[in-house]
Amino acid sequence: MKIREIPTGKRMLHALIFSPDQKTLVCGGDNNEVHCYEVQTGKRLRTLKGHRESVRHLLFTAGGKKLASLDTRGAVLQWDLSDGSSTELNKPDRKMRGPFYLAPRDRLMCWSAWQGGMRLTPLSDKRASRTFTDPGADLKRFAYNRARNQIAVVIGDAEIHLWSVSSPPRLLRKIPSSGFKISCVTFDQSGRWLLLGQSNSRARILDLDQEHSVHITAPARSYNPNFFPEHNLAVGYSRQSKSLVVWDMRDGRARGELKTQFRGASALALLDHPGERLRLITRGKNGTVCIWDLEKFQLLKTFSGHQRDISDAHVTSSPRYFATTDSTLTAIIWDVEKGKEARRYQFADNTMLASARSAPLLLIGSRGKDVTKPTQLLLFNLETGEETLIRELSRLSRFIALTPDGKRVLYQEDASGVTVHDIATGKKKVLALSVADTPSAISHDGKCLAFADSR
């Protein structure tokens, strides 16, 4: 079914991208220009001129406020969408072919061909380029693992090489072929699972921690997967059936389908409390949140309240409440029993949420509506409604976390280290870090903290 036709001229288009709020369509092509269109009406909003050759790659940065574009001359321009002004980020280099990626700390990275291999260049600092001299590497089939700062490169259409994006780059392992040509490669959000699409219309899921893999019987290009290893489940959207398919990661078989009829649907989190049915939280249409019964594969409830698409969901030990955030910096705590929102937070700057798996606690970090005020770390008890101010920070925290038992708060105020704050006693200690270390995850027992080396 055709929804809308947007005339873009007679020249060929090479790059199309939707804005994070899904309201604007941006395209670039052989007319050397970048055009912005309103999705709802098809009206052209702005034409960005500055490239001398065909535009090939586009990427939104700064939460959708800026746009990066790359042309065949190898020139990268960054556009401020509020006024249409541009900044040239590099000296044009025809070896720079894209695509773009956002590395830790939101650094804009770009790929280029380089002496039989590939080069990854942070456009803010050319001296920090990484060169991957891997013969046979395919610029069209590779994936960047943002969570672990790694890349997976397809070699000769079949073999995968896993690299650490460190300085210098380091080859971590070689993943042998399963006998079929690899059509696409991608990582899940946690960075632990690698998904390989194969020419036999099956997909291979590889656990990078335990070197275990399974095959699932659906075309890999038809879904955006999420993985829940604690329950051996993989969930992804199928364009063929217009539903979310739930797979068993142990044998690759489909357990059932969730009839969403929404192409942008994706799994966000599991509600897996003792004595309760296993339920799945998914992203719905027009900012809605859906809860599904994973035993009967039925829709239980739909929550409405967000103005934009959901970006994340957080669950705690409380089976009654969970929280979601969206791209407008809105966080909502939902009451599952009543089927409506229990509390809403509207922020003016980057919002960070963290939850405790074994306690009904949510940690929220943001400046609130007044950007002149310091960042507040608020601890919210979902069962009692009690709100506690943990600390005010002079700047936005780069990382926040709660230990699973909810007894300690972790936050990073600057590059010097991560502060561990005991909620009961108020005592603090600092875990010293190098400048290149980026905190990424806390272990299930709350005793270990994982870091990504962003060098």
Protein backbone atom coordinates (compact mmCIF):
# COMPACT_ATOMS: atom_id res chain seq x y z
CA MET A 1 0.00 0.00 0.00
CA LYS A 2 1.41 3.40 -1.04
CA ILE A 3 1.18 5.91 1.82
CA ARG A 4 2.72 9.00 0.17
CA GLU A 5 4.79 9.86 -2.87
CA ILE A 6 7.39 12.61 -2.45
CA PRO A 7 8.84 14.04 -5.70
CA THR A 8 12.61 14.51 -5.32
CA GLY A 9 13.63 15.45 -8.86
CA LYS A 10 15.05 13.48 -11.78
CA ARG A 11 18.52 12.80 -10.34
CA MET A 12 19.27 9.44 -8.71
CA LEU A 13 19.07 9.21 -4.90
CA HIS A 14 21.80 7.36 -3.00
CA ALA A 15 20.99 8.12 0.65
CA LEU A 16 17.70 8.23 2.57
CA ILE A 17 17.25 8.62 6.32
CA PHE A 18 14.41 9.45 8.71
CA SER A 19 14.94 11.86 11.60
CA PRO A 20 14.84 10.33 15.11
CA ASP A 21 11.29 11.66 15.62
CA GLN A 22 10.19 10.11 12.27
CA LYS A 23 8.73 13.43 11.11
CA THR A 24 11.39 14.38 8.57
CA LEU A 25 12.78 12.46 5.60
CA VAL A 26 16.25 13.49 4.40
CA CYS A 27 17.69 12.41 1.05
CA GLY A 28 20.84 13.02 -0.94
CA GLY A 29 21.97 12.04 -4.42
CA ASP A 30 23.46 13.06 -7.76
CA ASN A 31 22.32 16.69 -7.62
CA ASN A 32 24.95 17.34 -4.91
CA GLU A 33 22.27 18.59 -2.51
CA VAL A 34 20.59 17.35 0.67
CA HIS A 35 16.80 17.79 0.82
CA CYS A 36 14.60 17.65 3.94
CA TYR A 37 10.90 16.76 3.58
CA GLU A 38 8.00 16.69 6.01
CA VAL A 39 6.78 13.08 6.09
CA GLN A 40 3.15 13.95 6.88
CA THR A 41 2.61 16.37 3.98
CA GLY A 42 5.52 15.70 1.60
CA LYS A 43 6.43 19.41 1.75
CA ARG A 44 10.09 20.30 1.21
CA LEU A 45 11.34 21.96 4.40
CA ARG A 46 14.91 22.83 3.50
CA THR A 47 17.58 22.35 0.81
CA LEU A 48 21.16 22.06 2.07
CA LYS A 49 23.77 23.15 -0.49
CA GLY A 50 27.52 22.79 -0.04
CA HIS A 51 28.62 19.50 -1.59
CA ARG A 52 30.46 19.53 -4.92
CA GLU A 53 29.71 15.92 -5.82
CA SER A 54 27.06 13.24 -5.31
CA VAL A 55 25.91 12.69 -1.70
CA ARG A 56 26.23 9.02 -0.64
CA HIS A 57 25.77 8.73 3.14
CA LEU A 58 23.72 10.52 5.83
CA LEU A 59 23.59 10.26 9.63
CA PHE A 60 21.76 12.23 12.31
CA THR A 61 23.85 13.32 15.31
CA ALA A 62 23.31 15.33 18.51
CA GLY A 63 19.92 13.70 19.10
CA GLY A 64 18.60 14.73 15.68
CA LYS A 65 19.68 18.39 15.88
CA LYS A 66 22.55 17.93 13.41
CA LEU A 67 23.11 15.95 10.23
CA ALA A 68 26.35 14.57 8.76
CA SER A 69 26.68 13.94 5.01
CA LEU A 70 29.44 12.37 2.89
CA ASP A 71 29.92 12.82 -0.88
CA THR A 72 31.92 10.91 -3.50
CA ARG A 73 34.75 13.44 -3.17
CA GLY A 74 35.22 12.22 0.39
CA ALA A 75 34.07 15.49 1.96
CA VAL A 76 32.08 15.29 5.21
CA LEU A 77 29.79 18.20 6.10
CA GLN A 78 27.92 18.59 9.37
CA TRP A 79 24.70 20.61 9.15
CA ASP A 80 22.93 22.53 11.89
CA LEU A 81 19.28 21.86 11.02
CA SER A 82 18.04 24.90 12.95
CA ASP A 83 19.56 27.38 10.46
CA GLY A 84 20.96 25.23 7.62
CA SER A 85 24.59 26.22 8.27
CA SER A 86 27.35 23.70 7.58
CA THR A 87 30.81 22.85 8.90
CA GLU A 88 33.38 20.86 6.91
CA LEU A 89 34.72 18.13 9.19
CA ASN A 90 37.60 16.84 7.08
CA LYS A 91 39.92 17.40 4.18
CA PRO A 92 38.25 15.67 1.19
CA ASP A 93 39.63 12.18 0.57
CA ARG A 94 38.17 9.91 -2.13
CA LYS A 95 39.20 6.86 -0.14
CA MET A 96 36.61 7.82 2.46
CA ARG A 97 33.52 5.87 1.43
CA GLY A 98 31.40 5.63 4.57
CA PRO A 99 29.15 4.70 6.15
CA PHE A 100 29.15 6.71 9.37
CA TYR A 101 28.96 5.37 12.91
CA LEU A 102 28.59 6.99 16.31
CA ALA A 103 31.28 5.63 18.63
CA PRO A 104 31.31 5.97 22.45
CA ARG A 105 30.94 9.59 23.62
CA ASP A 106 29.00 10.25 20.38
CA ARG A 107 32.14 10.69 18.28
CA LEU A 108 31.36 10.66 14.56
CA MET A 109 33.35 7.91 12.80
CA CYS A 110 33.70 7.22 9.07
CA TRP A 111 35.03 4.24 7.12
CA SER A 112 37.39 4.44 4.17
CA ALA A 113 39.32 2.07 1.91
CA TRP A 114 42.98 1.98 2.91
CA GLN A 115 45.83 -0.08 1.41
CA GLY A 116 43.94 -3.33 0.99
CA GLY A 117 42.03 -2.87 4.23
CA MET A 118 39.78 -0.35 5.95
CA ARG A 119 40.33 2.73 8.06
CA LEU A 120 38.04 4.05 10.81
CA THR A 121 38.52 7.78 11.34
CA PRO A 122 37.08 9.88 14.19
CA LEU A 123 36.22 13.05 12.27
CA SER A 124 36.89 15.22 15.31
CA ASP A 125 40.49 13.98 15.60
CA LYS A 126 42.24 12.67 12.47
CA ARG A 127 45.25 11.54 14.51
CA ALA A 128 43.11 8.90 16.21
CA SER A 129 42.46 6.93 12.99
CA ARG A 130 42.44 3.12 13.18
CA THR A 131 43.68 1.08 10.21
CA PHE A 132 42.42 -2.46 9.65
CA THR A 133 44.68 -4.07 7.05
CA ASP A 134 42.51 -7.12 6.50
CA PRO A 135 42.78 -8.48 2.92
CA GLY A 136 39.40 -9.23 1.39
CA ALA A 137 37.52 -6.96 3.79
CA ASP A 138 34.17 -5.83 2.39
CA LEU A 139 33.12 -2.24 3.11
CA LYS A 140 29.52 -3.14 2.27
CA ARG A 141 29.22 -5.95 4.82
CA PHE A 142 30.52 -5.13 8.25
CA ALA A 143 29.03 -3.97 11.56
CA TYR A 144 30.17 -1.74 14.41
CA ASN A 145 29.58 -2.97 17.96
CA ARG A 146 29.04 0.26 19.90
CA ALA A 147 28.59 -1.49 23.26
CA ARG A 148 32.01 -3.20 23.10
CA ASN A 149 33.84 -0.96 20.62
CA GLN A 150 34.40 -3.79 18.12
CA ILE A 151 33.79 -4.37 14.43
CA ALA A 152 32.82 -7.54 12.58
CA VAL A 153 34.15 -7.66 9.01
CA VAL A 154 32.99 -10.07 6.30
CA ILE A 155 35.95 -11.67 4.49
CA GLY A 156 35.38 -13.31 1.11
CA ASP A 157 31.56 -13.36 1.54
CA ALA A 158 31.71 -16.14 4.14
CA GLU A 159 34.22 -15.71 7.00
CA ILE A 160 33.89 -13.12 9.79
CA HIS A 161 36.82 -11.37 11.46
CA LEU A 162 36.12 -9.72 14.83
CA TRP A 163 38.35 -6.72 15.60
CA SER A 164 38.82 -4.58 18.69
CA VAL A 165 38.71 -0.87 17.79
CA SER A 166 41.63 -0.09 20.05
CA SER A 167 44.92 1.65 19.29
CA PRO A 168 46.37 -0.18 17.45
CA PRO A 169 43.45 -2.36 16.24
CA ARG A 170 43.61 -5.97 17.38
CA LEU A 171 42.16 -9.06 15.68
CA LEU A 172 40.19 -10.86 18.41
CA ARG A 173 39.04 -13.96 16.55
CA LYS A 174 38.07 -15.49 13.23
CA ILE A 175 34.58 -16.93 12.89
CA PRO A 176 34.53 -19.69 10.26
CA SER A 177 31.88 -19.95 7.58
CA SER A 178 28.89 -22.25 7.97
CA GLY A 179 28.99 -22.97 4.23
CA PHE A 180 26.73 -20.14 3.00
CA LYS A 181 27.38 -16.65 1.69
CA ILE A 182 26.82 -13.93 4.31
CA SER A 183 24.31 -11.33 3.11
CA CYS A 184 24.31 -9.02 6.17
CA VAL A 185 25.82 -8.73 9.63
CA THR A 186 24.63 -6.86 12.74
CA PHE A 187 25.02 -6.78 16.54
CA ASP A 188 22.28 -6.66 19.16
CA GLN A 189 22.08 -3.73 21.59
CA SER A 190 24.13 -5.44 24.32
CA GLY A 191 26.98 -6.25 21.91
CA ARG A 192 27.08 -9.87 23.03
CA TRP A 193 25.14 -11.40 20.13
CA LEU A 194 26.18 -11.32 16.48
CA LEU A 195 23.53 -11.93 13.82
CA LEU A 196 24.60 -13.19 10.38
CA GLY A 197 22.17 -13.29 7.47
CA GLN A 198 22.92 -16.13 5.07
CA SER A 199 22.15 -16.85 1.41
CA ASN A 200 20.00 -19.87 2.36
CA SER A 201 17.35 -17.49 3.84
CA ARG A 202 18.36 -18.44 7.36
CA ALA A 203 20.09 -16.44 10.04
CA ARG A 204 22.87 -17.50 12.36
CA ILE A 205 22.99 -16.11 15.91
CA LEU A 206 26.42 -16.26 17.56
CA ASP A 207 27.05 -15.80 21.30
CA LEU A 208 30.43 -13.99 21.43
CA ASP A 209 30.95 -14.84 25.11
CA GLN A 210 30.38 -18.59 24.93
CA GLU A 211 31.14 -19.26 21.23
CA HIS A 212 27.75 -20.93 20.80
CA SER A 213 25.60 -20.41 17.70
CA VAL A 214 22.13 -21.40 16.46
CA HIS A 215 20.22 -20.91 13.22
CA ILE A 216 16.75 -19.38 12.93
CA THR A 217 14.49 -20.07 9.98
CA ALA A 218 13.60 -16.57 8.73
CA PRO A 219 15.32 -14.14 6.35
CA ALA A 220 17.76 -12.07 8.38
CA ARG A 221 16.91 -8.84 6.56
CA SER A 222 13.32 -8.99 7.73
CA TYR A 223 13.76 -8.10 11.39
CA ASN A 224 15.64 -5.99 13.92
CA PRO A 225 16.57 -8.52 16.60
CA ASN A 226 16.73 -8.24 20.37
CA PHE A 227 18.07 -11.01 22.59
CA PHE A 228 17.13 -12.19 26.08
CA PRO A 229 19.74 -14.86 26.92
CA GLU A 230 18.44 -15.44 30.47
CA HIS A 231 15.33 -16.97 28.85
CA ASN A 232 17.00 -18.17 25.61
CA LEU A 233 14.75 -15.93 23.53
CA ALA A 234 15.35 -13.85 20.40
CA VAL A 235 12.65 -11.44 19.20
CA GLY A 236 12.52 -9.62 15.86
CA TYR A 237 10.05 -8.09 13.42
CA SER A 238 9.15 -10.04 10.27
CA ARG A 239 8.06 -7.99 7.25
CA GLN A 240 6.55 -11.10 5.71
CA SER A 241 4.04 -11.80 8.48
CA LYS A 242 3.95 -8.19 9.82
CA SER A 243 4.50 -9.49 13.33
CA LEU A 244 7.17 -9.90 16.00
CA VAL A 245 8.56 -13.43 15.89
CA VAL A 246 9.83 -15.09 19.08
CA TRP A 247 12.63 -17.65 18.57
CA ASP A 248 14.21 -20.18 20.91
CA MET A 249 17.95 -19.46 20.85
CA ARG A 250 18.82 -23.07 21.75
CA ASP A 251 17.41 -24.69 18.62
CA GLY A 252 16.52 -21.70 16.41
CA ARG A 253 12.83 -22.61 16.16
CA ALA A 254 10.04 -20.04 16.26
CA ARG A 255 7.90 -20.26 19.41
CA GLY A 256 5.17 -17.94 18.19
CA GLU A 257 4.22 -14.59 16.68
CA LEU A 258 2.96 -11.32 18.15
CA LYS A 259 0.61 -9.66 15.63
CA THR A 260 1.75 -6.04 15.88
CA GLN A 261 1.05 -4.81 12.30
CA PHE A 262 3.61 -2.06 12.98
CA ARG A 263 6.84 -2.09 10.99
CA GLY A 264 8.79 -0.18 13.64
CA ALA A 265 7.86 -2.65 16.41
CA SER A 266 10.72 -4.03 18.49
CA ALA A 267 11.20 -5.79 21.82
CA LEU A 268 12.33 -3.56 24.70
CA ALA A 269 12.33 -5.59 27.93
CA LEU A 270 10.94 -8.65 29.69
CA LEU A 271 8.70 -8.69 32.76
CA ASP A 272 9.89 -11.95 34.33
CA HIS A 273 8.86 -11.75 37.99
CA PRO A 274 8.43 -14.92 40.13
CA GLY A 275 4.87 -16.20 40.17
CA GLU A 276 3.93 -14.06 37.14
CA ARG A 277 3.53 -15.00 33.50
CA LEU A 278 6.45 -14.10 31.24
CA ARG A 279 5.53 -10.84 29.51
CA LEU A 280 7.26 -8.78 26.83
CA ILE A 281 7.33 -4.97 26.55
CA THR A 282 7.44 -3.75 22.94
CA ARG A 283 7.55 -0.45 21.08
CA GLY A 284 4.18 0.32 19.47
CA LYS A 285 2.91 2.82 16.92
CA ASN A 286 2.74 6.58 17.63
CA GLY A 287 4.62 6.38 20.94
CA THR A 288 2.57 3.57 22.45
CA VAL A 289 3.92 0.80 24.67
CA CYS A 290 2.54 -2.74 24.42
CA ILE A 291 2.67 -5.68 26.85
CA TRP A 292 2.36 -9.23 25.46
CA ASP A 293 1.74 -12.61 27.08
CA LEU A 294 4.59 -14.89 25.90
CA GLU A 295 2.67 -18.07 26.79
CA LYS A 296 -0.45 -17.35 24.73
CA PHE A 297 1.22 -14.75 22.44
CA GLN A 298 -1.61 -12.31 23.03
CA LEU A 299 -1.68 -8.55 23.54
CA LEU A 300 -2.49 -7.76 27.18
CA LYS A 301 -2.36 -3.96 27.37
CA THR A 302 -1.46 -0.86 25.38
CA PHE A 303 -0.21 2.31 27.08
CA SER A 304 -0.46 5.75 25.48
CA GLY A 305 1.28 8.87 26.72
CA HIS A 306 4.50 9.45 24.76
CA GLN A 307 4.48 11.92 21.88
CA ARG A 308 7.43 10.25 20.12
CA ASP A 309 8.66 6.68 19.64
CA ILE A 310 9.96 4.90 22.73
CA SER A 311 13.74 4.75 23.04
CA ASP A 312 14.13 2.47 26.07
CA ALA A 313 12.32 0.55 28.83
CA HIS A 314 13.41 -0.24 32.38
CA VAL A 315 12.05 -2.94 34.72
CA THR A 316 12.71 -3.56 38.41
CA SER A 317 11.74 -6.18 41.01
CA SER A 318 8.25 -4.65 41.16
CA PRO A 319 5.84 -6.56 38.85
CA ARG A 320 3.41 -3.64 38.95
CA TYR A 321 5.60 -0.85 37.52
CA PHE A 322 8.04 -0.21 34.69
CA ALA A 323 9.43 2.94 33.05
CA THR A 324 9.98 4.14 29.48
CA THR A 325 11.78 7.08 27.85
CA ASP A 326 11.43 8.76 24.47
CA SER A 327 13.38 11.13 22.22
CA THR A 328 11.64 14.22 23.68
CA LEU A 329 13.39 13.63 27.03
CA THR A 330 10.19 12.38 28.64
CA ALA A 331 10.29 9.53 31.16
CA ILE A 332 7.05 7.84 32.24
CA ILE A 333 6.51 5.33 35.05
CA TRP A 334 3.60 3.01 34.19
CA ASP A 335 1.21 1.20 36.53
CA VAL A 336 0.59 -2.23 34.95
CA GLU A 337 -2.41 -3.08 37.15
CA LYS A 338 -4.29 0.18 36.46
CA GLY A 339 -3.11 0.37 32.85
CA LYS A 340 -2.08 4.03 33.03
CA GLU A 341 0.87 6.25 33.87
CA ALA A 342 1.78 6.70 37.52
CA ARG A 343 4.29 9.52 37.16
CA ARG A 344 5.81 11.61 34.39
CA TYR A 345 9.16 13.41 34.23
CA GLN A 346 9.88 16.05 31.57
CA PHE A 347 13.53 17.04 31.21
CA ALA A 348 15.44 19.72 29.35
CA ASP A 349 18.72 17.89 28.78
CA ASN A 350 20.03 14.38 28.24
CA THR A 351 18.10 11.99 30.49
CA MET A 352 19.62 8.82 31.88
CA LEU A 353 17.73 6.02 33.65
CA ALA A 354 18.95 2.97 35.53
CA SER A 355 17.04 0.25 37.36
CA ALA A 356 17.73 -2.35 40.05
CA ARG A 357 16.77 -5.91 39.16
CA SER A 358 16.26 -7.04 42.77
CA ALA A 359 14.72 -3.85 44.20
CA PRO A 360 11.79 -1.62 43.13
CA LEU A 361 14.10 1.31 42.46
CA LEU A 362 14.71 3.64 39.49
CA LEU A 363 17.63 6.07 39.25
CA ILE A 364 17.02 9.16 37.11
CA GLY A 365 19.72 11.62 36.13
CA SER A 366 18.93 14.93 34.40
CA ARG A 367 18.88 18.70 34.81
CA GLY A 368 15.11 18.91 34.84
CA LYS A 369 13.39 21.70 32.92
CA ASP A 370 15.80 24.42 34.07
CA VAL A 371 19.14 23.96 32.24
CA THR A 372 20.84 26.44 34.58
CA LYS A 373 20.46 24.09 37.52
CA PRO A 374 22.93 21.29 38.34
CA THR A 375 22.25 17.71 37.35
CA GLN A 376 20.17 15.83 39.90
CA LEU A 377 20.44 12.12 40.64
CA LEU A 378 16.98 11.09 41.87
CA LEU A 379 16.18 7.68 43.36
CA PHE A 380 12.52 6.74 42.96
CA ASN A 381 10.86 3.89 44.89
CA LEU A 382 8.16 2.47 42.62
CA GLU A 383 6.17 0.84 45.43
CA THR A 384 6.09 3.66 47.98
CA GLY A 385 6.35 6.62 45.60
CA GLU A 386 9.20 8.03 47.71
CA GLU A 387 11.69 10.22 45.86
CA THR A 388 15.22 10.75 47.22
CA LEU A 389 17.85 13.19 45.99
CA ILE A 390 21.15 11.27 45.94
CA ARG A 391 23.41 14.04 44.71
CA GLU A 392 23.60 17.20 42.62
CA LEU A 393 26.36 17.19 40.00
CA SER A 394 28.03 20.22 38.45
CA ARG A 395 27.73 18.65 34.99
CA LEU A 396 25.74 15.94 33.25
CA SER A 397 26.75 12.47 34.38
CA ARG A 398 28.33 10.37 31.63
CA PHE A 399 27.25 7.12 33.28
CA ILE A 400 24.80 6.10 36.00
CA ALA A 401 23.91 2.68 37.36
CA LEU A 402 22.28 0.89 40.30
CA THR A 403 23.59 -2.35 41.77
CA PRO A 404 20.99 -5.15 41.41
CA ASP A 405 20.18 -5.02 45.14
CA GLY A 406 19.58 -1.26 44.95
CA LYS A 407 22.02 -0.50 47.78
CA ARG A 408 24.64 1.43 45.80
CA VAL A 409 24.56 4.11 43.09
CA LEU A 410 27.34 4.49 40.53
CA TYR A 411 27.92 7.66 38.51
CA GLN A 412 30.67 9.28 36.47
CA GLU A 413 30.94 13.06 36.67
CA ASP A 414 34.13 13.43 34.64
CA ALA A 415 36.87 11.32 33.06
CA SER A 416 38.72 10.81 36.37
CA GLY A 417 36.66 7.92 37.66
CA VAL A 418 33.35 6.34 38.68
CA THR A 419 31.96 7.18 42.13
CA VAL A 420 30.34 4.35 44.13
CA HIS A 421 27.79 5.84 46.57
CA ASP A 422 26.37 3.72 49.41
CA ILE A 423 22.74 4.83 49.80
CA ALA A 424 22.34 3.74 53.45
CA THR A 425 25.59 5.17 54.87
CA GLY A 426 26.32 7.93 52.37
CA LYS A 427 29.92 6.72 52.04
CA LYS A 428 31.65 7.15 48.69
CA LYS A 429 34.65 5.69 46.93
CA VAL A 430 36.07 6.41 43.49
CA LEU A 431 37.14 3.81 40.92
CA ALA A 432 40.03 5.39 39.03
CA LEU A 433 39.87 5.25 35.21
CA SER A 434 42.08 6.16 32.30
CA VAL A 435 40.78 8.83 29.91
CA ALA A 436 39.99 6.15 27.28
CA ASP A 437 37.86 3.99 29.60
CA THR A 438 34.09 4.22 29.21
CA PRO A 439 31.85 2.42 31.76
CA SER A 440 29.38 0.19 29.94
CA ALA A 441 27.66 -2.33 32.25
CA ILE A 442 27.47 -3.67 35.79
CA SER A 443 27.49 -7.42 36.51
CA HIS A 444 24.40 -9.30 37.73
CA ASP A 445 25.89 -9.75 41.22
CA GLY A 446 26.82 -6.05 41.44
CA LYS A 447 30.49 -6.79 42.15
CA CYS A 448 32.04 -6.01 38.75
CA LEU A 449 31.90 -3.07 36.37
CA ALA A 450 32.72 -3.50 32.66
CA PHE A 451 34.55 -0.84 30.65
CA ALA A 452 34.87 -0.18 26.94
CA ASP A 453 38.25 1.11 25.73
CA SER A 454 37.31 3.99 23.41
CA ARG A 455 40.84 4.58 22.19
